[in-house]
Amino acid sequence: MYAIIEIGSKQYNVKRDDVIEVNREEVAKGDTITIDKVLLVCKDKKAEIGQPYVTGAKVEAVVLGQIFGEKTTVYKYRRRKSSHSERGHRSQLTEIKIKSIELGL
């Protein structure tokens, strides 16, 4: 059984016990969150597709912690101008573990 969920403006394909990294959410470590923006649920080769969301479906997840993503470096170089700049950043992420997927028929 798997589901496609929407968190923020991104979509994730998740199964039970998957660990995913999403954009930072304001939740504490160890909290349980319920995601009701479920776009698709597939169980035993039967797919339930939402319009836009599947009614009654929800995904339970537990927050593992707040982490930083990999460092991204941006380098600008202008040829023949003696001009360059380097900048970098690390995305703030929330790591969550999927506990259960409920269809709720």
PDB file of N, CA and C in Angstrom:
ATOM      1  N   MET A   1       0.838  -1.169   0.000  1.00  0.00           N
ATOM      2  CA  MET A   1       0.000   0.000   0.000  1.00  0.00           C
ATOM      3  C   MET A   1       0.885   1.235   0.000  1.00  0.00           C
ATOM      4  N   TYR A   2       0.567   2.171  -0.888  1.00  0.00           N
ATOM      5  CA  TYR A   2       1.301   3.423  -0.912  1.00  0.00           C
ATOM      6  C   TYR A   2       0.351   4.572  -1.179  1.00  0.00           C
ATOM      7  N   ALA A   3       0.842   5.787  -0.936  1.00  0.00           N
ATOM      8  CA  ALA A   3       0.015   6.972  -1.126  1.00  0.00           C
ATOM      9  C   ALA A   3       0.882   8.097  -1.669  1.00  0.00           C
ATOM     10  N   ILE A   4       0.246   9.009  -2.361  1.00  0.00           N
ATOM     11  CA  ILE A   4       0.903  10.231  -2.799  1.00  0.00           C
ATOM     12  C   ILE A   4       0.286  11.356  -1.986  1.00  0.00           C
ATOM     13  N   ILE A   5       1.139  12.051  -1.210  1.00  0.00           N
ATOM     14  CA  ILE A   5       0.662  13.099  -0.322  1.00  0.00           C
ATOM     15  C   ILE A   5       1.229  14.444  -0.738  1.00  0.00           C
ATOM     16  N   GLU A   6       0.601  15.506  -0.260  1.00  0.00           N
ATOM     17  CA  GLU A   6       1.070  16.856  -0.544  1.00  0.00           C
ATOM     18  C   GLU A   6       1.386  17.541   0.776  1.00  0.00           C
ATOM     19  N   ILE A   7       2.627  18.007   0.885  1.00  0.00           N
ATOM     20  CA  ILE A   7       3.059  18.764   2.057  1.00  0.00           C
ATOM     21  C   ILE A   7       3.696  20.037   1.538  1.00  0.00           C
ATOM     22  N   GLY A   8       3.171  21.165   1.957  1.00  0.00           N
ATOM     23  CA  GLY A   8       3.642  22.434   1.409  1.00  0.00           C
ATOM     24  C   GLY A   8       3.224  22.519  -0.042  1.00  0.00           C
ATOM     25  N   SER A   9       4.176  22.712  -0.924  1.00  0.00           N
ATOM     26  CA  SER A   9       3.862  22.762  -2.355  1.00  0.00           C
ATOM     27  C   SER A   9       4.491  21.588  -3.096  1.00  0.00           C
ATOM     28  N   LYS A  10       4.903  20.560  -2.364  1.00  0.00           N
ATOM     29  CA  LYS A  10       5.556  19.402  -2.978  1.00  0.00           C
ATOM     30  C   LYS A  10       4.741  18.138  -2.729  1.00  0.00           C
ATOM     31  N   GLN A  11       4.928  17.171  -3.624  1.00  0.00           N
ATOM     32  CA  GLN A  11       4.236  15.897  -3.508  1.00  0.00           C
ATOM     33  C   GLN A  11       5.251  14.790  -3.261  1.00  0.00           C
ATOM     34  N   TYR A  12       4.876  13.823  -2.427  1.00  0.00           N
ATOM     35  CA  TYR A  12       5.764  12.729  -2.052  1.00  0.00           C
ATOM     36  C   TYR A  12       5.026  11.401  -2.198  1.00  0.00           C
ATOM     37  N   ASN A  13       5.739  10.404  -2.713  1.00  0.00           N
ATOM     38  CA  ASN A  13       5.235   9.040  -2.810  1.00  0.00           C
ATOM     39  C   ASN A  13       5.733   8.308  -1.567  1.00  0.00           C
ATOM     40  N   VAL A  14       4.813   7.874  -0.692  1.00  0.00           N
ATOM     41  CA  VAL A  14       5.213   7.293   0.584  1.00  0.00           C
ATOM     42  C   VAL A  14       4.580   5.930   0.805  1.00  0.00           C
ATOM     43  N   LYS A  15       5.292   5.099   1.567  1.00  0.00           N
ATOM     44  CA  LYS A  15       4.798   3.821   2.049  1.00  0.00           C
ATOM     45  C   LYS A  15       4.964   3.808   3.558  1.00  0.00           C
ATOM     46  N   ARG A  16       4.447   2.791   4.193  1.00  0.00           N
ATOM     47  CA  ARG A  16       4.598   2.664   5.643  1.00  0.00           C
ATOM     48  C   ARG A  16       6.080   2.498   5.988  1.00  0.00           C
ATOM     49  N   ASP A  17       6.524   3.140   7.057  1.00  0.00           N
ATOM     50  CA  ASP A  17       7.894   3.119   7.582  1.00  0.00           C
ATOM     51  C   ASP A  17       8.899   3.866   6.707  1.00  0.00           C
ATOM     52  N   ASP A  18       8.448   4.659   5.730  1.00  0.00           N
ATOM     53  CA  ASP A  18       9.361   5.503   4.955  1.00  0.00           C
ATOM     54  C   ASP A  18       9.774   6.710   5.799  1.00  0.00           C
ATOM     55  N   VAL A  19      11.020   7.143   5.615  1.00  0.00           N
ATOM     56  CA  VAL A  19      11.517   8.361   6.245  1.00  0.00           C
ATOM     57  C   VAL A  19      11.761   9.366   5.131  1.00  0.00           C
ATOM     58  N   ILE A  20      11.083  10.528   5.217  1.00  0.00           N
ATOM     59  CA  ILE A  20      11.238  11.545   4.183  1.00  0.00           C
ATOM     60  C   ILE A  20      11.625  12.869   4.817  1.00  0.00           C
ATOM     61  N   GLU A  21      12.238  13.718   4.012  1.00  0.00           N
ATOM     62  CA  GLU A  21      12.625  15.055   4.440  1.00  0.00           C
ATOM     63  C   GLU A  21      11.753  16.054   3.699  1.00  0.00           C
ATOM     64  N   VAL A  22      11.033  16.878   4.451  1.00  0.00           N
ATOM     65  CA  VAL A  22      10.147  17.877   3.875  1.00  0.00           C
ATOM     66  C   VAL A  22      10.628  19.257   4.308  1.00  0.00           C
ATOM     67  N   ASN A  23      10.126  20.296   3.643  1.00  0.00           N
ATOM     68  CA  ASN A  23      10.466  21.655   4.057  1.00  0.00           C
ATOM     69  C   ASN A  23      10.061  21.856   5.509  1.00  0.00           C
ATOM     70  N   ARG A  24      10.779  22.727   6.189  1.00  0.00           N
ATOM     71  CA  ARG A  24      10.627  22.886   7.636  1.00  0.00           C
ATOM     72  C   ARG A  24       9.180  23.149   8.045  1.00  0.00           C
ATOM     73  N   GLU A  25       8.712  22.362   8.998  1.00  0.00           N
ATOM     74  CA  GLU A  25       7.397  22.523   9.606  1.00  0.00           C
ATOM     75  C   GLU A  25       7.619  22.896  11.074  1.00  0.00           C
ATOM     76  N   GLU A  26       6.738  23.698  11.628  1.00  0.00           N
ATOM     77  CA  GLU A  26       6.860  24.138  13.021  1.00  0.00           C
ATOM     78  C   GLU A  26       6.215  23.114  13.959  1.00  0.00           C
ATOM     79  N   VAL A  27       6.888  21.982  14.126  1.00  0.00           N
ATOM     80  CA  VAL A  27       6.440  20.927  15.036  1.00  0.00           C
ATOM     81  C   VAL A  27       7.635  20.452  15.847  1.00  0.00           C
ATOM     82  N   ALA A  28       7.359  19.934  17.039  1.00  0.00           N
ATOM     83  CA  ALA A  28       8.433  19.472  17.917  1.00  0.00           C
ATOM     84  C   ALA A  28       8.794  18.023  17.610  1.00  0.00           C
ATOM     85  N   LYS A  29      10.003  17.667  18.016  1.00  0.00           N
ATOM     86  CA  LYS A  29      10.475  16.299  17.829  1.00  0.00           C
ATOM     87  C   LYS A  29       9.607  15.332  18.640  1.00  0.00           C
ATOM     88  N   GLY A  30       9.188  14.230  18.005  1.00  0.00           N
ATOM     89  CA  GLY A  30       8.372  13.229  18.673  1.00  0.00           C
ATOM     90  C   GLY A  30       6.877  13.437  18.509  1.00  0.00           C
ATOM     91  N   ASP A  31       6.457  14.581  17.983  1.00  0.00           N
ATOM     92  CA  ASP A  31       5.030  14.832  17.768  1.00  0.00           C
ATOM     93  C   ASP A  31       4.497  13.983  16.622  1.00  0.00           C
ATOM     94  N   THR A  32       3.208  13.676  16.685  1.00  0.00           N
ATOM     95  CA  THR A  32       2.542  12.952  15.614  1.00  0.00           C
ATOM     96  C   THR A  32       1.733  13.952  14.796  1.00  0.00           C
ATOM     97  N   ILE A  33       1.895  13.897  13.473  1.00  0.00           N
ATOM     98  CA  ILE A  33       1.132  14.782  12.606  1.00  0.00           C
ATOM     99  C   ILE A  33       0.242  13.946  11.693  1.00  0.00           C
ATOM    100  N   THR A  34      -0.890  14.521  11.325  1.00  0.00           N
ATOM    101  CA  THR A  34      -1.838  13.873  10.432  1.00  0.00           C
ATOM    102  C   THR A  34      -1.880  14.666   9.137  1.00  0.00           C
ATOM    103  N   ILE A  35      -1.640  13.984   8.034  1.00  0.00           N
ATOM    104  CA  ILE A  35      -1.644  14.612   6.717  1.00  0.00           C
ATOM    105  C   ILE A  35      -2.916  14.164   6.015  1.00  0.00           C
ATOM    106  N   ASP A  36      -3.806  15.117   5.743  1.00  0.00           N
ATOM    107  CA  ASP A  36      -5.067  14.761   5.095  1.00  0.00           C
ATOM    108  C   ASP A  36      -5.113  15.176   3.630  1.00  0.00           C
ATOM    109  N   LYS A  37      -4.037  15.752   3.132  1.00  0.00           N
ATOM    110  CA  LYS A  37      -3.953  16.093   1.714  1.00  0.00           C
ATOM    111  C   LYS A  37      -3.369  14.901   0.955  1.00  0.00           C
ATOM    112  N   VAL A  38      -4.200  13.890   0.764  1.00  0.00           N
ATOM    113  CA  VAL A  38      -3.802  12.663   0.089  1.00  0.00           C
ATOM    114  C   VAL A  38      -4.361  12.699  -1.329  1.00  0.00           C
ATOM    115  N   LEU A  39      -3.475  12.646  -2.314  1.00  0.00           N
ATOM    116  CA  LEU A  39      -3.879  12.745  -3.707  1.00  0.00           C
ATOM    117  C   LEU A  39      -4.251  11.401  -4.303  1.00  0.00           C
ATOM    118  N   LEU A  40      -3.592  10.325  -3.846  1.00  0.00           N
ATOM    119  CA  LEU A  40      -3.835   8.997  -4.385  1.00  0.00           C
ATOM    120  C   LEU A  40      -3.498   7.955  -3.331  1.00  0.00           C
ATOM    121  N   VAL A  41      -4.307   6.909  -3.260  1.00  0.00           N
ATOM    122  CA  VAL A  41      -4.024   5.772  -2.391  1.00  0.00           C
ATOM    123  C   VAL A  41      -4.155   4.527  -3.234  1.00  0.00           C
ATOM    124  N   CYS A  42      -3.138   3.672  -3.192  1.00  0.00           N
ATOM    125  CA  CYS A  42      -3.155   2.437  -3.974  1.00  0.00           C
ATOM    126  C   CYS A  42      -3.009   1.261  -3.010  1.00  0.00           C
ATOM    127  N   LYS A  43      -3.979   0.330  -3.077  1.00  0.00           N
ATOM    128  CA  LYS A  43      -3.954  -0.849  -2.215  1.00  0.00           C
ATOM    129  C   LYS A  43      -4.377  -2.043  -3.047  1.00  0.00           C
ATOM    130  N   ASP A  44      -3.547  -3.072  -3.072  1.00  0.00           N
ATOM    131  CA  ASP A  44      -3.825  -4.306  -3.817  1.00  0.00           C
ATOM    132  C   ASP A  44      -4.195  -4.035  -5.276  1.00  0.00           C
ATOM    133  N   LYS A  45      -3.395  -3.232  -5.949  1.00  0.00           N
ATOM    134  CA  LYS A  45      -3.566  -2.882  -7.367  1.00  0.00           C
ATOM    135  C   LYS A  45      -4.883  -2.163  -7.663  1.00  0.00           C
ATOM    136  N   LYS A  46      -5.505  -1.602  -6.627  1.00  0.00           N
ATOM    137  CA  LYS A  46      -6.689  -0.764  -6.792  1.00  0.00           C
ATOM    138  C   LYS A  46      -6.306   0.639  -6.361  1.00  0.00           C
ATOM    139  N   ALA A  47      -6.481   1.592  -7.247  1.00  0.00           N
ATOM    140  CA  ALA A  47      -6.097   2.969  -6.951  1.00  0.00           C
ATOM    141  C   ALA A  47      -7.330   3.824  -6.696  1.00  0.00           C
ATOM    142  N   GLU A  48      -7.255   4.612  -5.642  1.00  0.00           N
ATOM    143  CA  GLU A  48      -8.298   5.581  -5.319  1.00  0.00           C
ATOM    144  C   GLU A  48      -7.701   6.958  -5.589  1.00  0.00           C
ATOM    145  N   ILE A  49      -8.236   7.640  -6.595  1.00  0.00           N
ATOM    146  CA  ILE A  49      -7.692   8.924  -7.027  1.00  0.00           C
ATOM    147  C   ILE A  49      -8.612  10.031  -6.543  1.00  0.00           C
ATOM    148  N   GLY A  50      -8.021  11.066  -5.958  1.00  0.00           N
ATOM    149  CA  GLY A  50      -8.799  12.169  -5.421  1.00  0.00           C
ATOM    150  C   GLY A  50      -9.099  13.243  -6.447  1.00  0.00           C
ATOM    151  N   GLN A  51     -10.097  14.068  -6.121  1.00  0.00           N
ATOM    152  CA  GLN A  51     -10.505  15.164  -7.001  1.00  0.00           C
ATOM    153  C   GLN A  51     -10.586  16.460  -6.210  1.00  0.00           C
ATOM    154  N   PRO A  52      -9.618  17.130  -5.709  1.00  0.00           N
ATOM    155  CA  PRO A  52      -8.194  16.851  -5.824  1.00  0.00           C
ATOM    156  C   PRO A  52      -7.660  15.923  -4.738  1.00  0.00           C
ATOM    157  N   TYR A  53      -8.395  15.766  -3.616  1.00  0.00           N
ATOM    158  CA  TYR A  53      -7.916  14.909  -2.532  1.00  0.00           C
ATOM    159  C   TYR A  53      -8.893  13.757  -2.319  1.00  0.00           C
ATOM    160  N   VAL A  54      -8.359  12.644  -1.805  1.00  0.00           N
ATOM    161  CA  VAL A  54      -9.181  11.472  -1.495  1.00  0.00           C
ATOM    162  C   VAL A  54      -9.923  11.758  -0.189  1.00  0.00           C
ATOM    163  N   THR A  55     -11.248  11.672  -0.226  1.00  0.00           N
ATOM    164  CA  THR A  55     -12.028  11.958   0.982  1.00  0.00           C
ATOM    165  C   THR A  55     -11.885  10.828   1.991  1.00  0.00           C
ATOM    166  N   GLY A  56     -11.627  11.204   3.228  1.00  0.00           N
ATOM    167  CA  GLY A  56     -11.510  10.227   4.305  1.00  0.00           C
ATOM    168  C   GLY A  56     -10.137   9.605   4.452  1.00  0.00           C
ATOM    169  N   ALA A  57      -9.246   9.809   3.514  1.00  0.00           N
ATOM    170  CA  ALA A  57      -7.908   9.219   3.597  1.00  0.00           C
ATOM    171  C   ALA A  57      -6.996  10.124   4.414  1.00  0.00           C
ATOM    172  N   LYS A  58      -6.123   9.509   5.190  1.00  0.00           N
ATOM    173  CA  LYS A  58      -5.150  10.281   5.953  1.00  0.00           C
ATOM    174  C   LYS A  58      -3.892   9.460   6.183  1.00  0.00           C
ATOM    175  N   VAL A  59      -2.807  10.169   6.404  1.00  0.00           N
ATOM    176  CA  VAL A  59      -1.507   9.547   6.647  1.00  0.00           C
ATOM    177  C   VAL A  59      -1.002  10.048   7.991  1.00  0.00           C
ATOM    178  N   GLU A  60      -0.639   9.127   8.856  1.00  0.00           N
ATOM    179  CA  GLU A  60      -0.094   9.462  10.173  1.00  0.00           C
ATOM    180  C   GLU A  60       1.431   9.390  10.091  1.00  0.00           C
ATOM    181  N   ALA A  61       2.095  10.396  10.662  1.00  0.00           N
ATOM    182  CA  ALA A  61       3.558  10.434  10.644  1.00  0.00           C
ATOM    183  C   ALA A  61       4.063  10.966  11.977  1.00  0.00           C
ATOM    184  N   VAL A  62       5.274  10.566  12.330  1.00  0.00           N
ATOM    185  CA  VAL A  62       5.909  11.046  13.552  1.00  0.00           C
ATOM    186  C   VAL A  62       7.147  11.848  13.147  1.00  0.00           C
ATOM    187  N   VAL A  63       7.385  12.949  13.855  1.00  0.00           N
ATOM    188  CA  VAL A  63       8.502  13.836  13.546  1.00  0.00           C
ATOM    189  C   VAL A  63       9.765  13.293  14.213  1.00  0.00           C
ATOM    190  N   LEU A  64      10.808  13.080  13.402  1.00  0.00           N
ATOM    191  CA  LEU A  64      12.077  12.578  13.928  1.00  0.00           C
ATOM    192  C   LEU A  64      13.008  13.709  14.338  1.00  0.00           C
ATOM    193  N   GLY A  65      12.849  14.882  13.744  1.00  0.00           N
ATOM    194  CA  GLY A  65      13.686  16.009  14.136  1.00  0.00           C
ATOM    195  C   GLY A  65      13.820  17.048  13.041  1.00  0.00           C
ATOM    196  N   GLN A  66      14.445  18.163  13.423  1.00  0.00           N
ATOM    197  CA  GLN A  66      14.731  19.244  12.481  1.00  0.00           C
ATOM    198  C   GLN A  66      16.191  19.104  12.052  1.00  0.00           C
ATOM    199  N   ILE A  67      16.425  19.121  10.745  1.00  0.00           N
ATOM    200  CA  ILE A  67      17.780  18.928  10.226  1.00  0.00           C
ATOM    201  C   ILE A  67      18.083  19.981   9.169  1.00  0.00           C
ATOM    202  N   PHE A  68      19.338  20.038   8.766  1.00  0.00           N
ATOM    203  CA  PHE A  68      19.764  20.883   7.663  1.00  0.00           C
ATOM    204  C   PHE A  68      20.059  20.004   6.459  1.00  0.00           C
ATOM    205  N   GLY A  69      19.729  20.488   5.275  1.00  0.00           N
ATOM    206  CA  GLY A  69      20.004  19.754   4.048  1.00  0.00           C
ATOM    207  C   GLY A  69      21.466  19.893   3.661  1.00  0.00           C
ATOM    208  N   GLU A  70      21.791  19.342   2.510  1.00  0.00           N
ATOM    209  CA  GLU A  70      23.148  19.436   1.999  1.00  0.00           C
ATOM    210  C   GLU A  70      23.470  20.857   1.590  1.00  0.00           C
ATOM    211  N   LYS A  71      24.724  21.240   1.702  1.00  0.00           N
ATOM    212  CA  LYS A  71      25.116  22.603   1.355  1.00  0.00           C
ATOM    213  C   LYS A  71      25.075  22.799  -0.160  1.00  0.00           C
ATOM    214  N   THR A  72      24.461  23.907  -0.576  1.00  0.00           N
ATOM    215  CA  THR A  72      24.380  24.267  -1.981  1.00  0.00           C
ATOM    216  C   THR A  72      25.249  25.491  -2.203  1.00  0.00           C
ATOM    217  N   THR A  73      26.129  25.437  -3.195  1.00  0.00           N
ATOM    218  CA  THR A  73      27.017  26.550  -3.491  1.00  0.00           C
ATOM    219  C   THR A  73      26.619  27.186  -4.809  1.00  0.00           C
ATOM    220  N   VAL A  74      26.507  28.512  -4.792  1.00  0.00           N
ATOM    221  CA  VAL A  74      26.203  29.277  -5.997  1.00  0.00           C
ATOM    222  C   VAL A  74      27.427  30.127  -6.303  1.00  0.00           C
ATOM    223  N   TYR A  75      27.945  29.995  -7.514  1.00  0.00           N
ATOM    224  CA  TYR A  75      29.150  30.731  -7.904  1.00  0.00           C
ATOM    225  C   TYR A  75      28.857  31.504  -9.176  1.00  0.00           C
ATOM    226  N   LYS A  76      29.064  32.812  -9.131  1.00  0.00           N
ATOM    227  CA  LYS A  76      28.875  33.659 -10.304  1.00  0.00           C
ATOM    228  C   LYS A  76      30.236  34.151 -10.766  1.00  0.00           C
ATOM    229  N   TYR A  77      30.462  34.100 -12.056  1.00  0.00           N
ATOM    230  CA  TYR A  77      31.731  34.527 -12.628  1.00  0.00           C
ATOM    231  C   TYR A  77      31.459  35.327 -13.896  1.00  0.00           C
ATOM    232  N   ARG A  78      32.059  36.490 -13.974  1.00  0.00           N
ATOM    233  CA  ARG A  78      31.921  37.320 -15.176  1.00  0.00           C
ATOM    234  C   ARG A  78      33.278  37.374 -15.866  1.00  0.00           C
ATOM    235  N   ARG A  79      33.352  36.821 -17.042  1.00  0.00           N
ATOM    236  CA  ARG A  79      34.633  36.728 -17.735  1.00  0.00           C
ATOM    237  C   ARG A  79      35.155  38.116 -18.115  1.00  0.00           C
ATOM    238  N   ARG A  80      36.438  38.217 -18.043  1.00  0.00           N
ATOM    239  CA  ARG A  80      37.180  39.437 -18.398  1.00  0.00           C
ATOM    240  C   ARG A  80      36.797  40.650 -17.558  1.00  0.00           C
ATOM    241  N   LYS A  81      36.152  40.479 -16.441  1.00  0.00           N
ATOM    242  CA  LYS A  81      35.720  41.618 -15.628  1.00  0.00           C
ATOM    243  C   LYS A  81      36.355  41.626 -14.236  1.00  0.00           C
ATOM    244  N   SER A  82      37.143  40.653 -13.912  1.00  0.00           N
ATOM    245  CA  SER A  82      37.718  40.511 -12.564  1.00  0.00           C
ATOM    246  C   SER A  82      36.616  40.547 -11.502  1.00  0.00           C
ATOM    247  N   SER A  83      35.525  39.878 -11.801  1.00  0.00           N
ATOM    248  CA  SER A  83      34.402  39.896 -10.887  1.00  0.00           C
ATOM    249  C   SER A  83      33.872  38.476 -10.696  1.00  0.00           C
ATOM    250  N   HIS A  84      33.769  38.057  -9.460  1.00  0.00           N
ATOM    251  CA  HIS A  84      33.154  36.778  -9.144  1.00  0.00           C
ATOM    252  C   HIS A  84      32.596  36.841  -7.727  1.00  0.00           C
ATOM    253  N   SER A  85      31.625  36.003  -7.459  1.00  0.00           N
ATOM    254  CA  SER A  85      31.057  35.936  -6.116  1.00  0.00           C
ATOM    255  C   SER A  85      30.658  34.501  -5.828  1.00  0.00           C
ATOM    256  N   GLU A  86      30.757  34.143  -4.566  1.00  0.00           N
ATOM    257  CA  GLU A  86      30.400  32.796  -4.144  1.00  0.00           C
ATOM    258  C   GLU A  86      29.473  32.901  -2.940  1.00  0.00           C
ATOM    259  N   ARG A  87      28.423  32.127  -2.990  1.00  0.00           N
ATOM    260  CA  ARG A  87      27.440  32.158  -1.929  1.00  0.00           C
ATOM    261  C   ARG A  87      26.927  30.738  -1.717  1.00  0.00           C
ATOM    262  N   GLY A  88      26.515  30.425  -0.522  1.00  0.00           N
ATOM    263  CA  GLY A  88      25.989  29.095  -0.258  1.00  0.00           C
ATOM    264  C   GLY A  88      24.910  29.132   0.801  1.00  0.00           C
ATOM    265  N   HIS A  89      24.138  28.067   0.862  1.00  0.00           N
ATOM    266  CA  HIS A  89      23.122  27.961   1.896  1.00  0.00           C
ATOM    267  C   HIS A  89      22.785  26.494   2.132  1.00  0.00           C
ATOM    268  N   ARG A  90      22.153  26.241   3.274  1.00  0.00           N
ATOM    269  CA  ARG A  90      21.665  24.901   3.617  1.00  0.00           C
ATOM    270  C   ARG A  90      20.189  25.020   3.942  1.00  0.00           C
ATOM    271  N   SER A  91      19.382  24.201   3.300  1.00  0.00           N
ATOM    272  CA  SER A  91      17.939  24.231   3.511  1.00  0.00           C
ATOM    273  C   SER A  91      17.594  23.676   4.884  1.00  0.00           C
ATOM    274  N   GLN A  92      16.597  24.272   5.522  1.00  0.00           N
ATOM    275  CA  GLN A  92      16.099  23.757   6.795  1.00  0.00           C
ATOM    276  C   GLN A  92      14.992  22.757   6.489  1.00  0.00           C
ATOM    277  N   LEU A  93      15.137  21.541   7.018  1.00  0.00           N
ATOM    278  CA  LEU A  93      14.213  20.460   6.705  1.00  0.00           C
ATOM    279  C   LEU A  93      13.660  19.834   7.981  1.00  0.00           C
ATOM    280  N   THR A  94      12.539  19.171   7.844  1.00  0.00           N
ATOM    281  CA  THR A  94      11.958  18.374   8.915  1.00  0.00           C
ATOM    282  C   THR A  94      11.939  16.922   8.454  1.00  0.00           C
ATOM    283  N   GLU A  95      12.462  16.038   9.285  1.00  0.00           N
ATOM    284  CA  GLU A  95      12.518  14.622   8.952  1.00  0.00           C
ATOM    285  C   GLU A  95      11.329  13.923   9.618  1.00  0.00           C
ATOM    286  N   ILE A  96      10.504  13.241   8.794  1.00  0.00           N
ATOM    287  CA  ILE A  96       9.337  12.555   9.335  1.00  0.00           C
ATOM    288  C   ILE A  96       9.337  11.088   8.906  1.00  0.00           C
ATOM    289  N   LYS A  97       8.718  10.254   9.754  1.00  0.00           N
ATOM    290  CA  LYS A  97       8.583   8.823   9.465  1.00  0.00           C
ATOM    291  C   LYS A  97       7.108   8.500   9.359  1.00  0.00           C
ATOM    292  N   ILE A  98       6.722   7.821   8.281  1.00  0.00           N
ATOM    293  CA  ILE A  98       5.328   7.469   8.043  1.00  0.00           C
ATOM    294  C   ILE A  98       4.956   6.277   8.922  1.00  0.00           C
ATOM    295  N   LYS A  99       3.922   6.442   9.744  1.00  0.00           N
ATOM    296  CA  LYS A  99       3.478   5.358  10.618  1.00  0.00           C
ATOM    297  C   LYS A  99       2.384   4.525   9.967  1.00  0.00           C
ATOM    298  N   SER A 100       1.386   5.186   9.393  1.00  0.00           N
ATOM    299  CA  SER A 100       0.275   4.421   8.811  1.00  0.00           C
ATOM    300  C   SER A 100      -0.409   5.215   7.714  1.00  0.00           C
ATOM    301  N   ILE A 101      -1.042   4.470   6.808  1.00  0.00           N
ATOM    302  CA  ILE A 101      -1.848   5.043   5.733  1.00  0.00           C
ATOM    303  C   ILE A 101      -3.242   4.462   5.891  1.00  0.00           C
ATOM    304  N   GLU A 102      -4.231   5.339   6.063  1.00  0.00           N
ATOM    305  CA  GLU A 102      -5.611   4.897   6.263  1.00  0.00           C
ATOM    306  C   GLU A 102      -6.472   5.399   5.119  1.00  0.00           C
ATOM    307  N   LEU A 103      -7.274   4.500   4.559  1.00  0.00           N
ATOM    308  CA  LEU A 103      -8.133   4.869   3.449  1.00  0.00           C
ATOM    309  C   LEU A 103      -9.427   5.492   3.943  1.00  0.00           C
ATOM    310  N   GLY A 104      -9.960   5.013   5.047  1.00  0.00           N
ATOM    311  CA  GLY A 104     -11.139   5.602   5.665  1.00  0.00           C
ATOM    312  C   GLY A 104     -12.392   5.570   4.813  1.00  0.00           C
ATOM    313  N   LEU A 105     -12.738   4.402   4.295  1.00  0.00           N
ATOM    314  CA  LEU A 105     -13.940   4.287   3.451  1.00  0.00           C
ATOM    315  C   LEU A 105     -15.211   4.416   4.227  1.00  0.00           C
TER     316      LEU A 105
END
